[in-house]
Amino acid sequence: MHSDLAKTIDDAFEKRNDISPSTKGPVREAVEAALDLLDRGKARVAERSGNGAWTVNQWLKKAVLLSFRLTDSAPMAGGEDDQDLRHRTRRGFCSSLSDLAFGLPGDG
């Protein structure tokens, strides 16, 4: 269904050391598109099958990880030492990777 997107992300992940906040073009667009699918609930990093087993959509997991390379980190208030706490944000991005993988509390 999203094979071109997955291929771009898989290829980019193999070259992840070359990816930075200054990266533009197809890689950034593919990561943004994947994150948009996650934001809108159209895709999930991990899905539970009918028999209860979990399947990880590796390309989506890689997209989330690549998004950290594409976005500068910034201090975030909270915790004992604000200077050590870093958080990367984007519009409406889930608060944790577990939200992406397993859905929001109360979800299935």
N, C-alpha and C. Protein backbone atom coordinates (compact mmCIF):
# COMPACT_ATOMS: atom_id res chain seq x y z
N MET A 1 0.83 -1.20 0.00
CA MET A 1 0.00 0.00 0.00
C MET A 1 0.88 1.26 0.00
N HIS A 2 1.92 1.27 0.80
CA HIS A 2 2.82 2.42 0.89
C HIS A 2 4.24 1.98 0.52
N SER A 3 4.36 1.13 -0.49
CA SER A 3 5.66 0.51 -0.78
C SER A 3 6.72 1.53 -1.22
N ASP A 4 6.35 2.55 -1.99
CA ASP A 4 7.33 3.56 -2.40
C ASP A 4 7.82 4.36 -1.20
N LEU A 5 6.91 4.71 -0.33
CA LEU A 5 7.25 5.43 0.88
C LEU A 5 8.17 4.58 1.76
N ALA A 6 7.81 3.32 1.93
CA ALA A 6 8.60 2.40 2.75
C ALA A 6 10.00 2.23 2.17
N LYS A 7 10.11 2.13 0.86
CA LYS A 7 11.42 1.95 0.23
C LYS A 7 12.30 3.18 0.45
N THR A 8 11.74 4.37 0.28
CA THR A 8 12.50 5.60 0.50
C THR A 8 13.01 5.65 1.94
N ILE A 9 12.15 5.31 2.88
CA ILE A 9 12.52 5.34 4.29
C ILE A 9 13.55 4.26 4.61
N ASP A 10 13.35 3.05 4.10
CA ASP A 10 14.32 1.97 4.32
C ASP A 10 15.69 2.36 3.77
N ASP A 11 15.72 2.91 2.56
CA ASP A 11 16.99 3.32 1.95
C ASP A 11 17.65 4.44 2.76
N ALA A 12 16.86 5.39 3.20
CA ALA A 12 17.39 6.50 3.99
C ALA A 12 17.94 6.01 5.32
N PHE A 13 17.26 5.04 5.91
CA PHE A 13 17.71 4.53 7.20
C PHE A 13 19.09 3.89 7.09
N GLU A 14 19.37 3.26 5.97
CA GLU A 14 20.70 2.66 5.75
C GLU A 14 21.78 3.73 5.66
N LYS A 15 21.39 4.96 5.32
CA LYS A 15 22.33 6.08 5.21
C LYS A 15 22.04 7.13 6.28
N ARG A 16 21.51 6.70 7.41
CA ARG A 16 21.04 7.62 8.45
C ARG A 16 22.12 8.55 8.99
N ASN A 17 23.40 8.16 8.91
CA ASN A 17 24.45 9.04 9.39
C ASN A 17 24.60 10.29 8.54
N ASP A 18 24.03 10.27 7.34
CA ASP A 18 24.08 11.42 6.44
C ASP A 18 22.86 12.33 6.60
N ILE A 19 21.95 11.97 7.49
CA ILE A 19 20.70 12.72 7.66
C ILE A 19 20.83 13.66 8.84
N SER A 20 20.39 14.91 8.63
CA SER A 20 20.49 15.95 9.66
C SER A 20 19.31 16.91 9.50
N PRO A 21 19.20 17.87 10.41
CA PRO A 21 18.12 18.86 10.26
C PRO A 21 18.17 19.63 8.94
N SER A 22 19.32 19.66 8.28
CA SER A 22 19.42 20.37 7.00
C SER A 22 18.99 19.50 5.81
N THR A 23 18.67 18.23 6.04
CA THR A 23 18.25 17.34 4.96
C THR A 23 16.93 17.81 4.37
N LYS A 24 16.88 17.88 3.06
CA LYS A 24 15.67 18.30 2.33
C LYS A 24 15.33 17.24 1.30
N GLY A 25 14.23 17.41 0.60
CA GLY A 25 13.89 16.55 -0.53
C GLY A 25 13.13 15.29 -0.17
N PRO A 26 13.31 14.24 -0.96
CA PRO A 26 12.49 13.03 -0.85
C PRO A 26 12.53 12.35 0.52
N VAL A 27 13.69 12.37 1.18
CA VAL A 27 13.79 11.72 2.49
C VAL A 27 12.91 12.45 3.50
N ARG A 28 13.07 13.75 3.58
CA ARG A 28 12.25 14.53 4.53
C ARG A 28 10.77 14.38 4.19
N GLU A 29 10.44 14.45 2.91
CA GLU A 29 9.04 14.31 2.49
C GLU A 29 8.47 12.94 2.87
N ALA A 30 9.26 11.89 2.69
CA ALA A 30 8.80 10.54 3.04
C ALA A 30 8.59 10.39 4.54
N VAL A 31 9.52 10.91 5.32
CA VAL A 31 9.38 10.84 6.78
C VAL A 31 8.16 11.63 7.22
N GLU A 32 7.98 12.83 6.68
CA GLU A 32 6.80 13.64 7.03
C GLU A 32 5.50 12.93 6.64
N ALA A 33 5.50 12.30 5.48
CA ALA A 33 4.30 11.57 5.04
C ALA A 33 4.01 10.40 5.97
N ALA A 34 5.04 9.68 6.38
CA ALA A 34 4.85 8.55 7.30
C ALA A 34 4.34 9.04 8.65
N LEU A 35 4.92 10.13 9.15
CA LEU A 35 4.46 10.67 10.43
C LEU A 35 3.02 11.18 10.32
N ASP A 36 2.67 11.70 9.17
CA ASP A 36 1.29 12.14 8.95
C ASP A 36 0.33 10.95 9.01
N LEU A 37 0.74 9.83 8.42
CA LEU A 37 -0.10 8.62 8.50
C LEU A 37 -0.29 8.20 9.96
N LEU A 38 0.78 8.29 10.74
CA LEU A 38 0.69 7.95 12.16
C LEU A 38 -0.19 8.95 12.91
N ASP A 39 0.01 10.23 12.64
CA ASP A 39 -0.77 11.29 13.29
C ASP A 39 -2.26 11.12 13.05
N ARG A 40 -2.61 10.74 11.82
CA ARG A 40 -4.02 10.61 11.44
C ARG A 40 -4.60 9.23 11.79
N GLY A 41 -3.78 8.36 12.34
CA GLY A 41 -4.27 7.03 12.71
C GLY A 41 -4.47 6.11 11.52
N LYS A 42 -3.86 6.45 10.38
CA LYS A 42 -3.99 5.62 9.18
C LYS A 42 -2.99 4.48 9.15
N ALA A 43 -1.99 4.55 10.02
CA ALA A 43 -0.97 3.50 10.12
C ALA A 43 -0.48 3.46 11.56
N ARG A 44 0.11 2.32 11.93
CA ARG A 44 0.65 2.16 13.28
C ARG A 44 2.02 1.50 13.19
N VAL A 45 2.89 1.86 14.11
CA VAL A 45 4.21 1.26 14.15
C VAL A 45 4.09 -0.23 14.47
N ALA A 46 3.19 -0.58 15.35
CA ALA A 46 2.96 -1.99 15.69
C ALA A 46 1.46 -2.26 15.69
N GLU A 47 1.11 -3.42 15.18
CA GLU A 47 -0.31 -3.80 15.09
C GLU A 47 -0.50 -5.19 15.66
N ARG A 48 -1.60 -5.36 16.37
CA ARG A 48 -1.92 -6.67 16.91
C ARG A 48 -2.80 -7.42 15.92
N SER A 49 -2.41 -8.64 15.61
CA SER A 49 -3.19 -9.46 14.67
C SER A 49 -4.34 -10.14 15.41
N GLY A 50 -5.16 -10.82 14.68
CA GLY A 50 -6.32 -11.50 15.26
C GLY A 50 -5.95 -12.53 16.32
N ASN A 51 -4.76 -13.13 16.23
CA ASN A 51 -4.36 -14.13 17.21
C ASN A 51 -3.63 -13.52 18.41
N GLY A 52 -3.55 -12.18 18.45
CA GLY A 52 -2.94 -11.49 19.58
C GLY A 52 -1.45 -11.21 19.43
N ALA A 53 -0.84 -11.72 18.38
CA ALA A 53 0.58 -11.47 18.15
C ALA A 53 0.78 -10.06 17.59
N TRP A 54 1.90 -9.44 17.94
CA TRP A 54 2.21 -8.11 17.46
C TRP A 54 3.13 -8.19 16.25
N THR A 55 2.86 -7.32 15.27
CA THR A 55 3.70 -7.18 14.09
C THR A 55 4.19 -5.75 14.04
N VAL A 56 5.50 -5.58 13.89
CA VAL A 56 6.08 -4.24 13.81
C VAL A 56 6.24 -3.86 12.35
N ASN A 57 5.73 -2.69 12.00
CA ASN A 57 5.94 -2.13 10.67
C ASN A 57 7.28 -1.40 10.72
N GLN A 58 8.34 -2.11 10.36
CA GLN A 58 9.70 -1.60 10.52
C GLN A 58 9.91 -0.26 9.83
N TRP A 59 9.34 -0.09 8.65
CA TRP A 59 9.55 1.17 7.92
C TRP A 59 8.97 2.35 8.68
N LEU A 60 7.87 2.16 9.41
CA LEU A 60 7.30 3.24 10.20
C LEU A 60 8.16 3.51 11.43
N LYS A 61 8.67 2.45 12.04
CA LYS A 61 9.58 2.63 13.17
C LYS A 61 10.81 3.41 12.71
N LYS A 62 11.33 3.06 11.54
CA LYS A 62 12.49 3.77 11.00
C LYS A 62 12.16 5.23 10.70
N ALA A 63 10.95 5.50 10.23
CA ALA A 63 10.54 6.88 9.96
C ALA A 63 10.55 7.70 11.25
N VAL A 64 10.05 7.12 12.33
CA VAL A 64 10.05 7.82 13.62
C VAL A 64 11.49 8.10 14.05
N LEU A 65 12.35 7.09 13.94
CA LEU A 65 13.74 7.28 14.33
C LEU A 65 14.43 8.33 13.45
N LEU A 66 14.17 8.30 12.15
CA LEU A 66 14.74 9.30 11.25
C LEU A 66 14.25 10.71 11.58
N SER A 67 13.02 10.81 12.07
CA SER A 67 12.49 12.13 12.40
C SER A 67 13.31 12.81 13.49
N PHE A 68 13.93 12.01 14.37
CA PHE A 68 14.79 12.59 15.41
C PHE A 68 16.06 13.18 14.80
N ARG A 69 16.53 12.60 13.70
CA ARG A 69 17.72 13.13 13.02
C ARG A 69 17.36 14.38 12.21
N LEU A 70 16.12 14.46 11.76
CA LEU A 70 15.67 15.59 10.94
C LEU A 70 15.27 16.81 11.75
N THR A 71 15.12 16.66 13.06
CA THR A 71 14.61 17.73 13.91
C THR A 71 15.61 18.05 15.01
N ASP A 72 15.91 19.32 15.18
CA ASP A 72 16.78 19.73 16.28
C ASP A 72 16.09 19.46 17.61
N SER A 73 16.87 19.10 18.61
CA SER A 73 16.30 18.94 19.95
C SER A 73 16.37 20.28 20.67
N ALA A 74 15.50 20.45 21.66
CA ALA A 74 15.46 21.68 22.43
C ALA A 74 15.15 21.36 23.88
N PRO A 75 15.62 22.16 24.80
CA PRO A 75 15.30 21.92 26.21
C PRO A 75 13.81 21.94 26.45
N MET A 76 13.36 21.11 27.36
CA MET A 76 11.95 21.03 27.72
C MET A 76 11.86 21.11 29.24
N ALA A 77 10.98 21.94 29.74
CA ALA A 77 10.84 22.10 31.18
C ALA A 77 10.34 20.80 31.81
N GLY A 78 10.82 20.53 33.01
CA GLY A 78 10.37 19.36 33.74
C GLY A 78 11.52 18.53 34.24
N GLY A 79 11.23 17.64 35.16
CA GLY A 79 12.28 16.78 35.69
C GLY A 79 13.18 17.52 36.65
N GLU A 80 14.18 16.82 37.15
CA GLU A 80 15.08 17.40 38.13
C GLU A 80 16.07 18.38 37.53
N ASP A 81 16.51 18.12 36.31
CA ASP A 81 17.50 18.98 35.68
C ASP A 81 17.02 19.32 34.27
N ASP A 82 16.38 20.47 34.13
CA ASP A 82 15.81 20.88 32.85
C ASP A 82 16.83 20.85 31.72
N GLN A 83 18.08 21.11 32.02
CA GLN A 83 19.12 21.17 30.98
C GLN A 83 19.38 19.80 30.36
N ASP A 84 19.13 18.74 31.09
CA ASP A 84 19.41 17.40 30.57
C ASP A 84 18.22 16.80 29.82
N LEU A 85 17.07 17.38 29.96
CA LEU A 85 15.86 16.83 29.34
C LEU A 85 15.69 17.43 27.96
N ARG A 86 15.74 16.59 26.95
CA ARG A 86 15.59 17.05 25.57
C ARG A 86 14.34 16.40 24.98
N HIS A 87 13.67 17.15 24.14
CA HIS A 87 12.44 16.65 23.53
C HIS A 87 12.35 17.21 22.12
N ARG A 88 11.98 16.38 21.21
CA ARG A 88 11.79 16.83 19.84
C ARG A 88 10.30 16.86 19.56
N THR A 89 9.84 17.96 19.04
CA THR A 89 8.41 18.10 18.81
C THR A 89 8.12 18.45 17.37
N ARG A 90 6.93 18.15 16.98
CA ARG A 90 6.40 18.59 15.70
C ARG A 90 4.90 18.71 15.91
N ARG A 91 4.22 19.26 14.98
CA ARG A 91 2.78 19.49 15.17
C ARG A 91 2.06 18.20 15.54
N GLY A 92 1.40 18.20 16.67
CA GLY A 92 0.55 17.08 17.06
C GLY A 92 1.24 15.75 17.21
N PHE A 93 2.57 15.71 17.31
CA PHE A 93 3.27 14.43 17.41
C PHE A 93 2.95 13.79 18.75
N CYS A 94 2.80 12.49 18.77
CA CYS A 94 2.47 11.78 20.01
C CYS A 94 3.53 12.05 21.07
N SER A 95 3.12 11.95 22.32
CA SER A 95 4.02 12.30 23.41
C SER A 95 5.09 11.26 23.65
N SER A 96 4.92 10.06 23.17
CA SER A 96 5.94 9.04 23.37
C SER A 96 5.88 8.02 22.25
N LEU A 97 6.96 7.30 22.07
CA LEU A 97 6.97 6.26 21.05
C LEU A 97 5.98 5.16 21.37
N SER A 98 5.71 4.93 22.67
CA SER A 98 4.74 3.90 23.01
C SER A 98 3.34 4.29 22.53
N ASP A 99 3.03 5.60 22.50
CA ASP A 99 1.75 6.04 21.94
C ASP A 99 1.66 5.63 20.48
N LEU A 100 2.77 5.79 19.75
CA LEU A 100 2.78 5.44 18.34
C LEU A 100 2.63 3.93 18.14
N ALA A 101 3.30 3.17 18.96
CA ALA A 101 3.33 1.73 18.77
C ALA A 101 2.04 1.06 19.22
N PHE A 102 1.53 1.50 20.35
CA PHE A 102 0.43 0.75 20.95
C PHE A 102 -0.88 1.52 21.04
N GLY A 103 -0.92 2.71 20.50
CA GLY A 103 -2.15 3.49 20.55
C GLY A 103 -2.26 4.22 21.87
N LEU A 104 -3.28 4.99 21.99
CA LEU A 104 -3.49 5.78 23.19
C LEU A 104 -4.11 4.93 24.29
N PRO A 105 -4.00 5.36 25.56
CA PRO A 105 -4.58 4.59 26.66
C PRO A 105 -6.04 4.24 26.37
N GLY A 106 -6.39 3.02 26.68
CA GLY A 106 -7.74 2.54 26.45
C GLY A 106 -7.96 2.01 25.07
N ASP A 107 -6.97 2.07 24.22
CA ASP A 107 -7.07 1.58 22.84
C ASP A 107 -6.77 0.10 22.81
N GLY A 108 -7.77 -0.70 22.48
CA GLY A 108 -7.67 -2.12 22.28
C GLY A 108 -6.77 -2.82 23.17
